[in-house]
Amino acid sequence: MIPTRRTLATLALAAAASSLLGACIVVPARPGPYGGGPLVMVAPPPPRVEFVGVAPGPGLFWLSGFWGWSGGRHVWNPGHWEHEREGYHYVPQRWVRQGPGWRMAPGHWDRR
């Protein structure tokens, strides 16, 4: 079967569209200032006391543990060591009062 001009044009258009879409970079929308997580009606418990100790290596930074929200309840996420990021400082996770409830603002690295 010999392809018709219309078939060839359709194939060429599909190939061009595929190439253009393959070059697209999709960046998810940044959540609002409080992370866009659920509004939780139960205040978070006080932070747990964690033993930090000495960094296991040079350039490591301790990220404190925090109370997250999972399965309809507060869940403790223990702290851990992470490599420092040059030109950035760490903003810890926090719970923010919002109306009748609480919303979590996730921790993140921010430019100085």
PDB file of N, CA and C in Angstrom:
ATOM      1  N   MET A   1       0.839  -1.170   0.000  1.00  0.00           N
ATOM      2  CA  MET A   1       0.000   0.000   0.000  1.00  0.00           C
ATOM      3  C   MET A   1       0.892   1.244   0.000  1.00  0.00           C
ATOM      4  N   ILE A   2       0.634   2.153  -0.870  1.00  0.00           N
ATOM      5  CA  ILE A   2       1.404   3.383  -1.002  1.00  0.00           C
ATOM      6  C   ILE A   2       0.708   4.461  -0.171  1.00  0.00           C
ATOM      7  N   PRO A   3       1.465   5.133   0.736  1.00  0.00           N
ATOM      8  CA  PRO A   3       0.831   6.170   1.557  1.00  0.00           C
ATOM      9  C   PRO A   3       0.423   7.369   0.716  1.00  0.00           C
ATOM     10  N   THR A   4      -0.716   7.930   1.067  1.00  0.00           N
ATOM     11  CA  THR A   4      -1.202   9.118   0.358  1.00  0.00           C
ATOM     12  C   THR A   4      -0.561  10.371   0.947  1.00  0.00           C
ATOM     13  N   ARG A   5      -0.715  11.475   0.238  1.00  0.00           N
ATOM     14  CA  ARG A   5      -0.171  12.736   0.743  1.00  0.00           C
ATOM     15  C   ARG A   5      -0.787  13.084   2.088  1.00  0.00           C
ATOM     16  N   ARG A   6      -2.067  12.818   2.235  1.00  0.00           N
ATOM     17  CA  ARG A   6      -2.752  13.131   3.488  1.00  0.00           C
ATOM     18  C   ARG A   6      -2.166  12.302   4.625  1.00  0.00           C
ATOM     19  N   THR A   7      -1.896  11.027   4.388  1.00  0.00           N
ATOM     20  CA  THR A   7      -1.303  10.168   5.408  1.00  0.00           C
ATOM     21  C   THR A   7       0.083  10.658   5.769  1.00  0.00           C
ATOM     22  N   LEU A   8       0.883  11.024   4.770  1.00  0.00           N
ATOM     23  CA  LEU A   8       2.229  11.525   5.034  1.00  0.00           C
ATOM     24  C   LEU A   8       2.185  12.840   5.812  1.00  0.00           C
ATOM     25  N   ALA A   9       1.252  13.723   5.457  1.00  0.00           N
ATOM     26  CA  ALA A   9       1.115  14.992   6.166  1.00  0.00           C
ATOM     27  C   ALA A   9       0.709  14.761   7.620  1.00  0.00           C
ATOM     28  N   THR A  10      -0.197  13.816   7.841  1.00  0.00           N
ATOM     29  CA  THR A  10      -0.632  13.494   9.201  1.00  0.00           C
ATOM     30  C   THR A  10       0.524  12.941  10.019  1.00  0.00           C
ATOM     31  N   LEU A  11       1.312  12.049   9.417  1.00  0.00           N
ATOM     32  CA  LEU A  11       2.473  11.486  10.112  1.00  0.00           C
ATOM     33  C   LEU A  11       3.509  12.565  10.430  1.00  0.00           C
ATOM     34  N   ALA A  12       3.745  13.464   9.488  1.00  0.00           N
ATOM     35  CA  ALA A  12       4.705  14.541   9.704  1.00  0.00           C
ATOM     36  C   ALA A  12       4.231  15.469  10.821  1.00  0.00           C
ATOM     37  N   LEU A  13       2.946  15.778  10.839  1.00  0.00           N
ATOM     38  CA  LEU A  13       2.387  16.625  11.889  1.00  0.00           C
ATOM     39  C   LEU A  13       2.489  15.945  13.247  1.00  0.00           C
ATOM     40  N   ALA A  14       2.198  14.673  13.306  1.00  0.00           N
ATOM     41  CA  ALA A  14       2.294  13.922  14.562  1.00  0.00           C
ATOM     42  C   ALA A  14       3.737  13.885  15.062  1.00  0.00           C
ATOM     43  N   ALA A  15       4.689  13.694  14.151  1.00  0.00           N
ATOM     44  CA  ALA A  15       6.099  13.667  14.536  1.00  0.00           C
ATOM     45  C   ALA A  15       6.542  15.030  15.062  1.00  0.00           C
ATOM     46  N   ALA A  16       6.110  16.098  14.405  1.00  0.00           N
ATOM     47  CA  ALA A  16       6.481  17.449  14.851  1.00  0.00           C
ATOM     48  C   ALA A  16       5.876  17.749  16.216  1.00  0.00           C
ATOM     49  N   ALA A  17       4.616  17.414  16.400  1.00  0.00           N
ATOM     50  CA  ALA A  17       3.957  17.651  17.686  1.00  0.00           C
ATOM     51  C   ALA A  17       4.628  16.847  18.792  1.00  0.00           C
ATOM     52  N   SER A  18       4.992  15.613  18.484  1.00  0.00           N
ATOM     53  CA  SER A  18       5.670  14.756  19.460  1.00  0.00           C
ATOM     54  C   SER A  18       7.009  15.351  19.863  1.00  0.00           C
ATOM     55  N   SER A  19       7.747  15.875  18.885  1.00  0.00           N
ATOM     56  CA  SER A  19       9.045  16.500  19.180  1.00  0.00           C
ATOM     57  C   SER A  19       8.876  17.735  20.050  1.00  0.00           C
ATOM     58  N   LEU A  20       7.897  18.559  19.731  1.00  0.00           N
ATOM     59  CA  LEU A  20       7.669  19.767  20.521  1.00  0.00           C
ATOM     60  C   LEU A  20       7.226  19.439  21.936  1.00  0.00           C
ATOM     61  N   LEU A  21       6.332  18.493  22.092  1.00  0.00           N
ATOM     62  CA  LEU A  21       5.864  18.116  23.421  1.00  0.00           C
ATOM     63  C   LEU A  21       6.974  17.458  24.238  1.00  0.00           C
ATOM     64  N   GLY A  22       7.853  16.757  23.570  1.00  0.00           N
ATOM     65  CA  GLY A  22       8.977  16.131  24.267  1.00  0.00           C
ATOM     66  C   GLY A  22       9.941  17.151  24.825  1.00  0.00           C
ATOM     67  N   ALA A  23       9.963  18.345  24.267  1.00  0.00           N
ATOM     68  CA  ALA A  23      10.864  19.393  24.746  1.00  0.00           C
ATOM     69  C   ALA A  23      10.237  20.234  25.851  1.00  0.00           C
ATOM     70  N   CYS A  24       8.972  20.009  26.160  1.00  0.00           N
ATOM     71  CA  CYS A  24       8.298  20.781  27.204  1.00  0.00           C
ATOM     72  C   CYS A  24       8.811  20.382  28.582  1.00  0.00           C
ATOM     73  N   ILE A  25       8.898  21.362  29.458  1.00  0.00           N
ATOM     74  CA  ILE A  25       9.235  21.104  30.854  1.00  0.00           C
ATOM     75  C   ILE A  25       8.028  21.517  31.662  1.00  0.00           C
ATOM     76  N   VAL A  26       7.479  20.590  32.398  1.00  0.00           N
ATOM     77  CA  VAL A  26       6.313  20.880  33.209  1.00  0.00           C
ATOM     78  C   VAL A  26       6.782  21.071  34.642  1.00  0.00           C
ATOM     79  N   VAL A  27       6.493  22.234  35.196  1.00  0.00           N
ATOM     80  CA  VAL A  27       6.850  22.539  36.573  1.00  0.00           C
ATOM     81  C   VAL A  27       5.561  22.623  37.365  1.00  0.00           C
ATOM     82  N   PRO A  28       5.439  21.818  38.427  1.00  0.00           N
ATOM     83  CA  PRO A  28       4.205  21.872  39.196  1.00  0.00           C
ATOM     84  C   PRO A  28       4.037  23.234  39.870  1.00  0.00           C
ATOM     85  N   ALA A  29       2.810  23.640  40.031  1.00  0.00           N
ATOM     86  CA  ALA A  29       2.542  24.908  40.704  1.00  0.00           C
ATOM     87  C   ALA A  29       3.042  24.830  42.132  1.00  0.00           C
ATOM     88  N   ARG A  30       3.693  25.893  42.574  1.00  0.00           N
ATOM     89  CA  ARG A  30       4.195  25.923  43.946  1.00  0.00           C
ATOM     90  C   ARG A  30       3.011  26.090  44.881  1.00  0.00           C
ATOM     91  N   PRO A  31       2.945  25.267  45.940  1.00  0.00           N
ATOM     92  CA  PRO A  31       1.823  25.415  46.854  1.00  0.00           C
ATOM     93  C   PRO A  31       1.862  26.760  47.558  1.00  0.00           C
ATOM     94  N   GLY A  32       0.747  27.133  48.149  1.00  0.00           N
ATOM     95  CA  GLY A  32       0.654  28.395  48.869  1.00  0.00           C
ATOM     96  C   GLY A  32       1.625  28.440  50.038  1.00  0.00           C
ATOM     97  N   PRO A  33       1.597  29.522  50.803  1.00  0.00           N
ATOM     98  CA  PRO A  33       2.563  29.683  51.887  1.00  0.00           C
ATOM     99  C   PRO A  33       2.456  28.612  52.953  1.00  0.00           C
ATOM    100  N   TYR A  34       1.338  27.907  53.017  1.00  0.00           N
ATOM    101  CA  TYR A  34       1.176  26.874  54.034  1.00  0.00           C
ATOM    102  C   TYR A  34       1.163  25.484  53.425  1.00  0.00           C
ATOM    103  N   GLY A  35       1.725  25.334  52.245  1.00  0.00           N
ATOM    104  CA  GLY A  35       1.902  24.022  51.658  1.00  0.00           C
ATOM    105  C   GLY A  35       0.708  23.446  50.942  1.00  0.00           C
ATOM    106  N   GLY A  36      -0.453  24.029  51.101  1.00  0.00           N
ATOM    107  CA  GLY A  36      -1.620  23.516  50.400  1.00  0.00           C
ATOM    108  C   GLY A  36      -2.115  22.196  50.942  1.00  0.00           C
ATOM    109  N   GLY A  37      -1.612  21.767  52.101  1.00  0.00           N
ATOM    110  CA  GLY A  37      -2.069  20.523  52.716  1.00  0.00           C
ATOM    111  C   GLY A  37      -3.444  20.704  53.336  1.00  0.00           C
ATOM    112  N   PRO A  38      -3.944  19.640  53.945  1.00  0.00           N
ATOM    113  CA  PRO A  38      -5.289  19.707  54.515  1.00  0.00           C
ATOM    114  C   PRO A  38      -5.344  20.625  55.742  1.00  0.00           C
ATOM    115  N   LEU A  39      -6.494  21.183  55.986  1.00  0.00           N
ATOM    116  CA  LEU A  39      -6.733  21.943  57.205  1.00  0.00           C
ATOM    117  C   LEU A  39      -7.031  20.918  58.282  1.00  0.00           C
ATOM    118  N   VAL A  40      -6.216  20.907  59.329  1.00  0.00           N
ATOM    119  CA  VAL A  40      -6.318  19.917  60.400  1.00  0.00           C
ATOM    120  C   VAL A  40      -6.970  20.579  61.600  1.00  0.00           C
ATOM    121  N   MET A  41      -7.969  19.949  62.163  1.00  0.00           N
ATOM    122  CA  MET A  41      -8.711  20.545  63.268  1.00  0.00           C
ATOM    123  C   MET A  41      -8.119  20.200  64.632  1.00  0.00           C
ATOM    124  N   VAL A  42      -7.046  19.414  64.655  1.00  0.00           N
ATOM    125  CA  VAL A  42      -6.395  19.010  65.903  1.00  0.00           C
ATOM    126  C   VAL A  42      -5.024  19.677  65.963  1.00  0.00           C
ATOM    127  N   ALA A  43      -4.771  20.409  67.038  1.00  0.00           N
ATOM    128  CA  ALA A  43      -3.469  21.073  67.179  1.00  0.00           C
ATOM    129  C   ALA A  43      -2.356  20.028  67.241  1.00  0.00           C
ATOM    130  N   PRO A  44      -1.187  20.348  66.674  1.00  0.00           N
ATOM    131  CA  PRO A  44      -0.084  19.391  66.737  1.00  0.00           C
ATOM    132  C   PRO A  44       0.440  19.265  68.166  1.00  0.00           C
ATOM    133  N   PRO A  45       0.912  18.064  68.534  1.00  0.00           N
ATOM    134  CA  PRO A  45       1.509  17.898  69.857  1.00  0.00           C
ATOM    135  C   PRO A  45       2.814  18.688  69.957  1.00  0.00           C
ATOM    136  N   PRO A  46       3.337  18.872  71.169  1.00  0.00           N
ATOM    137  CA  PRO A  46       4.630  19.549  71.287  1.00  0.00           C
ATOM    138  C   PRO A  46       5.725  18.718  70.624  1.00  0.00           C
ATOM    139  N   PRO A  47       6.786  19.371  70.124  1.00  0.00           N
ATOM    140  CA  PRO A  47       7.873  18.607  69.483  1.00  0.00           C
ATOM    141  C   PRO A  47       8.498  17.616  70.458  1.00  0.00           C
ATOM    142  N   ARG A  48       8.958  16.521  69.932  1.00  0.00           N
ATOM    143  CA  ARG A  48       9.676  15.538  70.747  1.00  0.00           C
ATOM    144  C   ARG A  48      11.114  16.004  70.941  1.00  0.00           C
ATOM    145  N   VAL A  49      11.698  15.599  72.037  1.00  0.00           N
ATOM    146  CA  VAL A  49      13.099  15.899  72.282  1.00  0.00           C
ATOM    147  C   VAL A  49      13.923  14.846  71.558  1.00  0.00           C
ATOM    148  N   GLU A  50      14.856  15.291  70.721  1.00  0.00           N
ATOM    149  CA  GLU A  50      15.703  14.369  69.974  1.00  0.00           C
ATOM    150  C   GLU A  50      17.152  14.561  70.389  1.00  0.00           C
ATOM    151  N   PHE A  51      17.881  13.481  70.520  1.00  0.00           N
ATOM    152  CA  PHE A  51      19.315  13.560  70.774  1.00  0.00           C
ATOM    153  C   PHE A  51      20.015  13.714  69.439  1.00  0.00           C
ATOM    154  N   VAL A  52      20.718  14.835  69.270  1.00  0.00           N
ATOM    155  CA  VAL A  52      21.350  15.120  67.990  1.00  0.00           C
ATOM    156  C   VAL A  52      22.758  14.545  67.929  1.00  0.00           C
ATOM    157  N   GLY A  53      23.583  14.812  68.922  1.00  0.00           N
ATOM    158  CA  GLY A  53      24.949  14.315  68.900  1.00  0.00           C
ATOM    159  C   GLY A  53      25.829  15.075  67.919  1.00  0.00           C
ATOM    160  N   VAL A  54      26.962  14.483  67.606  1.00  0.00           N
ATOM    161  CA  VAL A  54      27.944  15.103  66.718  1.00  0.00           C
ATOM    162  C   VAL A  54      27.657  14.678  65.281  1.00  0.00           C
ATOM    163  N   ALA A  55      27.816  15.614  64.359  1.00  0.00           N
ATOM    164  CA  ALA A  55      27.592  15.289  62.941  1.00  0.00           C
ATOM    165  C   ALA A  55      28.487  14.131  62.520  1.00  0.00           C
ATOM    166  N   PRO A  56      27.947  13.171  61.785  1.00  0.00           N
ATOM    167  CA  PRO A  56      28.740  12.018  61.368  1.00  0.00           C
ATOM    168  C   PRO A  56      29.767  12.327  60.281  1.00  0.00           C
ATOM    169  N   GLY A  57      29.776  13.558  59.779  1.00  0.00           N
ATOM    170  CA  GLY A  57      30.732  13.931  58.740  1.00  0.00           C
ATOM    171  C   GLY A  57      30.726  15.425  58.523  1.00  0.00           C
ATOM    172  N   PRO A  58      31.707  15.932  57.790  1.00  0.00           N
ATOM    173  CA  PRO A  58      31.774  17.376  57.540  1.00  0.00           C
ATOM    174  C   PRO A  58      30.654  17.852  56.608  1.00  0.00           C
ATOM    175  N   GLY A  59      30.194  19.085  56.836  1.00  0.00           N
ATOM    176  CA  GLY A  59      29.191  19.687  55.961  1.00  0.00           C
ATOM    177  C   GLY A  59      27.789  19.158  56.161  1.00  0.00           C
ATOM    178  N   LEU A  60      27.550  18.441  57.264  1.00  0.00           N
ATOM    179  CA  LEU A  60      26.205  17.914  57.512  1.00  0.00           C
ATOM    180  C   LEU A  60      25.441  18.845  58.445  1.00  0.00           C
ATOM    181  N   PHE A  61      24.161  18.942  58.217  1.00  0.00           N
ATOM    182  CA  PHE A  61      23.274  19.847  58.940  1.00  0.00           C
ATOM    183  C   PHE A  61      22.113  19.029  59.490  1.00  0.00           C
ATOM    184  N   TRP A  62      21.744  19.244  60.759  1.00  0.00           N
ATOM    185  CA  TRP A  62      20.656  18.488  61.377  1.00  0.00           C
ATOM    186  C   TRP A  62      19.316  19.140  61.048  1.00  0.00           C
ATOM    187  N   LEU A  63      18.402  18.360  60.470  1.00  0.00           N
ATOM    188  CA  LEU A  63      17.032  18.802  60.235  1.00  0.00           C
ATOM    189  C   LEU A  63      16.189  18.179  61.334  1.00  0.00           C
ATOM    190  N   SER A  64      15.640  19.006  62.201  1.00  0.00           N
ATOM    191  CA  SER A  64      14.868  18.515  63.347  1.00  0.00           C
ATOM    192  C   SER A  64      13.629  17.756  62.902  1.00  0.00           C
ATOM    193  N   GLY A  65      13.218  16.838  63.748  1.00  0.00           N
ATOM    194  CA  GLY A  65      11.989  16.094  63.484  1.00  0.00           C
ATOM    195  C   GLY A  65      10.772  16.997  63.624  1.00  0.00           C
ATOM    196  N   PHE A  66       9.648  16.529  63.123  1.00  0.00           N
ATOM    197  CA  PHE A  66       8.422  17.338  63.172  1.00  0.00           C
ATOM    198  C   PHE A  66       7.202  16.432  63.139  1.00  0.00           C
ATOM    199  N   TRP A  67       6.092  16.989  63.566  1.00  0.00           N
ATOM    200  CA  TRP A  67       4.818  16.290  63.478  1.00  0.00           C
ATOM    201  C   TRP A  67       4.205  16.536  62.106  1.00  0.00           C
ATOM    202  N   GLY A  68       3.979  15.480  61.366  1.00  0.00           N
ATOM    203  CA  GLY A  68       3.280  15.556  60.092  1.00  0.00           C
ATOM    204  C   GLY A  68       1.842  15.113  60.285  1.00  0.00           C
ATOM    205  N   TRP A  69       1.105  15.020  59.208  1.00  0.00           N
ATOM    206  CA  TRP A  69      -0.297  14.589  59.249  1.00  0.00           C
ATOM    207  C   TRP A  69      -0.476  13.463  58.256  1.00  0.00           C
ATOM    208  N   SER A  70      -0.902  12.302  58.734  1.00  0.00           N
ATOM    209  CA  SER A  70      -1.085  11.149  57.848  1.00  0.00           C
ATOM    210  C   SER A  70      -2.135  10.225  58.440  1.00  0.00           C
ATOM    211  N   GLY A  71      -3.016   9.752  57.594  1.00  0.00           N
ATOM    212  CA  GLY A  71      -4.040   8.802  58.046  1.00  0.00           C
ATOM    213  C   GLY A  71      -4.982   9.380  59.088  1.00  0.00           C
ATOM    214  N   GLY A  72      -5.207  10.693  59.022  1.00  0.00           N
ATOM    215  CA  GLY A  72      -6.144  11.313  59.948  1.00  0.00           C
ATOM    216  C   GLY A  72      -5.579  11.549  61.337  1.00  0.00           C
ATOM    217  N   ARG A  73      -4.247  11.535  61.465  1.00  0.00           N
ATOM    218  CA  ARG A  73      -3.645  11.782  62.787  1.00  0.00           C
ATOM    219  C   ARG A  73      -2.245  12.368  62.631  1.00  0.00           C
ATOM    220  N   HIS A  74      -1.750  12.952  63.711  1.00  0.00           N
ATOM    221  CA  HIS A  74      -0.382  13.477  63.718  1.00  0.00           C
ATOM    222  C   HIS A  74       0.590  12.312  63.829  1.00  0.00           C
ATOM    223  N   VAL A  75       1.639  12.351  63.014  1.00  0.00           N
ATOM    224  CA  VAL A  75       2.647  11.288  62.979  1.00  0.00           C
ATOM    225  C   VAL A  75       4.021  11.941  63.091  1.00  0.00           C
ATOM    226  N   TRP A  76       4.872  11.419  63.994  1.00  0.00           N
ATOM    227  CA  TRP A  76       6.198  11.989  64.179  1.00  0.00           C
ATOM    228  C   TRP A  76       7.128  11.560  63.053  1.00  0.00           C
ATOM    229  N   ASN A  77       7.824  12.532  62.467  1.00  0.00           N
ATOM    230  CA  ASN A  77       8.845  12.296  61.450  1.00  0.00           C
ATOM    231  C   ASN A  77      10.182  12.640  62.099  1.00  0.00           C
ATOM    232  N   PRO A  78      11.026  11.656  62.385  1.00  0.00           N
ATOM    233  CA  PRO A  78      12.268  11.935  63.107  1.00  0.00           C
ATOM    234  C   PRO A  78      13.233  12.788  62.301  1.00  0.00           C
ATOM    235  N   GLY A  79      14.077  13.530  63.028  1.00  0.00           N
ATOM    236  CA  GLY A  79      15.085  14.362  62.392  1.00  0.00           C
ATOM    237  C   GLY A  79      16.159  13.516  61.723  1.00  0.00           C
ATOM    238  N   HIS A  80      16.962  14.163  60.888  1.00  0.00           N
ATOM    239  CA  HIS A  80      18.030  13.441  60.193  1.00  0.00           C
ATOM    240  C   HIS A  80      19.107  14.426  59.738  1.00  0.00           C
ATOM    241  N   TRP A  81      20.262  13.881  59.411  1.00  0.00           N
ATOM    242  CA  TRP A  81      21.371  14.687  58.903  1.00  0.00           C
ATOM    243  C   TRP A  81      21.225  14.844  57.401  1.00  0.00           C
ATOM    244  N   GLU A  82      21.537  16.031  56.915  1.00  0.00           N
ATOM    245  CA  GLU A  82      21.490  16.285  55.482  1.00  0.00           C
ATOM    246  C   GLU A  82      22.666  17.201  55.128  1.00  0.00           C
ATOM    247  N   HIS A  83      23.185  17.067  53.922  1.00  0.00           N
ATOM    248  CA  HIS A  83      24.290  17.936  53.500  1.00  0.00           C
ATOM    249  C   HIS A  83      23.804  19.365  53.361  1.00  0.00           C
ATOM    250  N   GLU A  84      24.636  20.302  53.856  1.00  0.00           N
ATOM    251  CA  GLU A  84      24.309  21.706  53.707  1.00  0.00           C
ATOM    252  C   GLU A  84      24.302  22.059  52.224  1.00  0.00           C
ATOM    253  N   ARG A  85      23.542  23.056  51.868  1.00  0.00           N
ATOM    254  CA  ARG A  85      23.473  23.511  50.477  1.00  0.00           C
ATOM    255  C   ARG A  85      24.020  24.930  50.415  1.00  0.00           C
ATOM    256  N   GLU A  86      25.094  25.071  49.694  1.00  0.00           N
ATOM    257  CA  GLU A  86      25.767  26.369  49.603  1.00  0.00           C
ATOM    258  C   GLU A  86      24.820  27.435  49.060  1.00  0.00           C
ATOM    259  N   GLY A  87      24.778  28.582  49.754  1.00  0.00           N
ATOM    260  CA  GLY A  87      23.925  29.688  49.324  1.00  0.00           C
ATOM    261  C   GLY A  87      22.486  29.568  49.796  1.00  0.00           C
ATOM    262  N   TYR A  88      22.197  28.557  50.613  1.00  0.00           N
ATOM    263  CA  TYR A  88      20.832  28.342  51.102  1.00  0.00           C
ATOM    264  C   TYR A  88      20.829  28.235  52.623  1.00  0.00           C
ATOM    265  N   HIS A  89      19.689  28.483  53.227  1.00  0.00           N
ATOM    266  CA  HIS A  89      19.489  28.191  54.639  1.00  0.00           C
ATOM    267  C   HIS A  89      18.202  27.384  54.747  1.00  0.00           C
ATOM    268  N   TYR A  90      18.107  26.594  55.810  1.00  0.00           N
ATOM    269  CA  TYR A  90      16.944  25.727  55.953  1.00  0.00           C
ATOM    270  C   TYR A  90      15.859  26.425  56.766  1.00  0.00           C
ATOM    271  N   VAL A  91      14.645  26.412  56.258  1.00  0.00           N
ATOM    272  CA  VAL A  91      13.477  26.940  56.952  1.00  0.00           C
ATOM    273  C   VAL A  91      12.704  25.717  57.447  1.00  0.00           C
ATOM    274  N   PRO A  92      12.633  25.520  58.773  1.00  0.00           N
ATOM    275  CA  PRO A  92      11.998  24.303  59.282  1.00  0.00           C
ATOM    276  C   PRO A  92      10.487  24.254  59.052  1.00  0.00           C
ATOM    277  N   GLN A  93       9.976  23.048  59.058  1.00  0.00           N
ATOM    278  CA  GLN A  93       8.538  22.804  58.957  1.00  0.00           C
ATOM    279  C   GLN A  93       7.878  23.446  60.175  1.00  0.00           C
ATOM    280  N   ARG A  94       6.645  23.935  59.984  1.00  0.00           N
ATOM    281  CA  ARG A  94       5.913  24.496  61.113  1.00  0.00           C
ATOM    282  C   ARG A  94       4.413  24.364  60.868  1.00  0.00           C
ATOM    283  N   TRP A  95       3.660  24.390  61.940  1.00  0.00           N
ATOM    284  CA  TRP A  95       2.206  24.396  61.854  1.00  0.00           C
ATOM    285  C   TRP A  95       1.729  25.824  62.055  1.00  0.00           C
ATOM    286  N   VAL A  96       0.815  26.268  61.197  1.00  0.00           N
ATOM    287  CA  VAL A  96       0.314  27.631  61.227  1.00  0.00           C
ATOM    288  C   VAL A  96      -1.186  27.599  61.502  1.00  0.00           C
ATOM    289  N   ARG A  97      -1.599  28.403  62.463  1.00  0.00           N
ATOM    290  CA  ARG A  97      -3.030  28.506  62.766  1.00  0.00           C
ATOM    291  C   ARG A  97      -3.719  29.169  61.580  1.00  0.00           C
ATOM    292  N   GLN A  98      -4.796  28.547  61.098  1.00  0.00           N
ATOM    293  CA  GLN A  98      -5.539  29.107  59.966  1.00  0.00           C
ATOM    294  C   GLN A  98      -7.018  28.899  60.227  1.00  0.00           C
ATOM    295  N   GLY A  99      -7.705  29.991  60.546  1.00  0.00           N
ATOM    296  CA  GLY A  99      -9.129  29.892  60.861  1.00  0.00           C
ATOM    297  C   GLY A  99      -9.346  28.968  62.046  1.00  0.00           C
ATOM    298  N   PRO A 100     -10.246  27.991  61.905  1.00  0.00           N
ATOM    299  CA  PRO A 100     -10.538  27.101  63.025  1.00  0.00           C
ATOM    300  C   PRO A 100      -9.546  25.932  63.166  1.00  0.00           C
ATOM    301  N   GLY A 101      -8.577  25.844  62.276  1.00  0.00           N
ATOM    302  CA  GLY A 101      -7.677  24.689  62.304  1.00  0.00           C
ATOM    303  C   GLY A 101      -6.223  25.059  62.141  1.00  0.00           C
ATOM    304  N   TRP A 102      -5.446  24.069  61.709  1.00  0.00           N
ATOM    305  CA  TRP A 102      -4.003  24.203  61.530  1.00  0.00           C
ATOM    306  C   TRP A 102      -3.630  23.699  60.145  1.00  0.00           C
ATOM    307  N   ARG A 103      -2.642  24.356  59.536  1.00  0.00           N
ATOM    308  CA  ARG A 103      -2.143  23.916  58.242  1.00  0.00           C
ATOM    309  C   ARG A 103      -0.618  23.846  58.327  1.00  0.00           C
ATOM    310  N   MET A 104      -0.042  22.769  57.758  1.00  0.00           N
ATOM    311  CA  MET A 104       1.398  22.583  57.836  1.00  0.00           C
ATOM    312  C   MET A 104       2.106  23.351  56.723  1.00  0.00           C
ATOM    313  N   ALA A 105       3.131  24.108  57.103  1.00  0.00           N
ATOM    314  CA  ALA A 105       4.023  24.768  56.150  1.00  0.00           C
ATOM    315  C   ALA A 105       5.261  23.892  56.113  1.00  0.00           C
ATOM    316  N   PRO A 106       5.515  23.177  55.015  1.00  0.00           N
ATOM    317  CA  PRO A 106       6.627  22.231  54.969  1.00  0.00           C
ATOM    318  C   PRO A 106       7.986  22.921  55.053  1.00  0.00           C
ATOM    319  N   GLY A 107       8.964  22.212  55.606  1.00  0.00           N
ATOM    320  CA  GLY A 107      10.330  22.711  55.646  1.00  0.00           C
ATOM    321  C   GLY A 107      10.919  22.731  54.240  1.00  0.00           C
ATOM    322  N   HIS A 108      11.865  23.662  54.021  1.00  0.00           N
ATOM    323  CA  HIS A 108      12.475  23.769  52.683  1.00  0.00           C
ATOM    324  C   HIS A 108      13.768  24.551  52.763  1.00  0.00           C
ATOM    325  N   TRP A 109      14.599  24.378  51.760  1.00  0.00           N
ATOM    326  CA  TRP A 109      15.833  25.154  51.614  1.00  0.00           C
ATOM    327  C   TRP A 109      15.482  26.426  50.870  1.00  0.00           C
ATOM    328  N   ASP A 110      15.940  27.567  51.385  1.00  0.00           N
ATOM    329  CA  ASP A 110      15.639  28.861  50.779  1.00  0.00           C
ATOM    330  C   ASP A 110      16.941  29.609  50.533  1.00  0.00           C
ATOM    331  N   ARG A 111      16.985  30.359  49.445  1.00  0.00           N
ATOM    332  CA  ARG A 111      18.190  31.153  49.144  1.00  0.00           C
ATOM    333  C   ARG A 111      18.388  32.200  50.219  1.00  0.00           C
ATOM    334  N   ARG A 112      19.635  32.448  50.547  1.00  0.00           N
ATOM    335  CA  ARG A 112      19.948  33.468  51.562  1.00  0.00           C
ATOM    336  C   ARG A 112      19.705  34.845  51.021  1.00  0.00           C
TER     337      ARG A 112
END
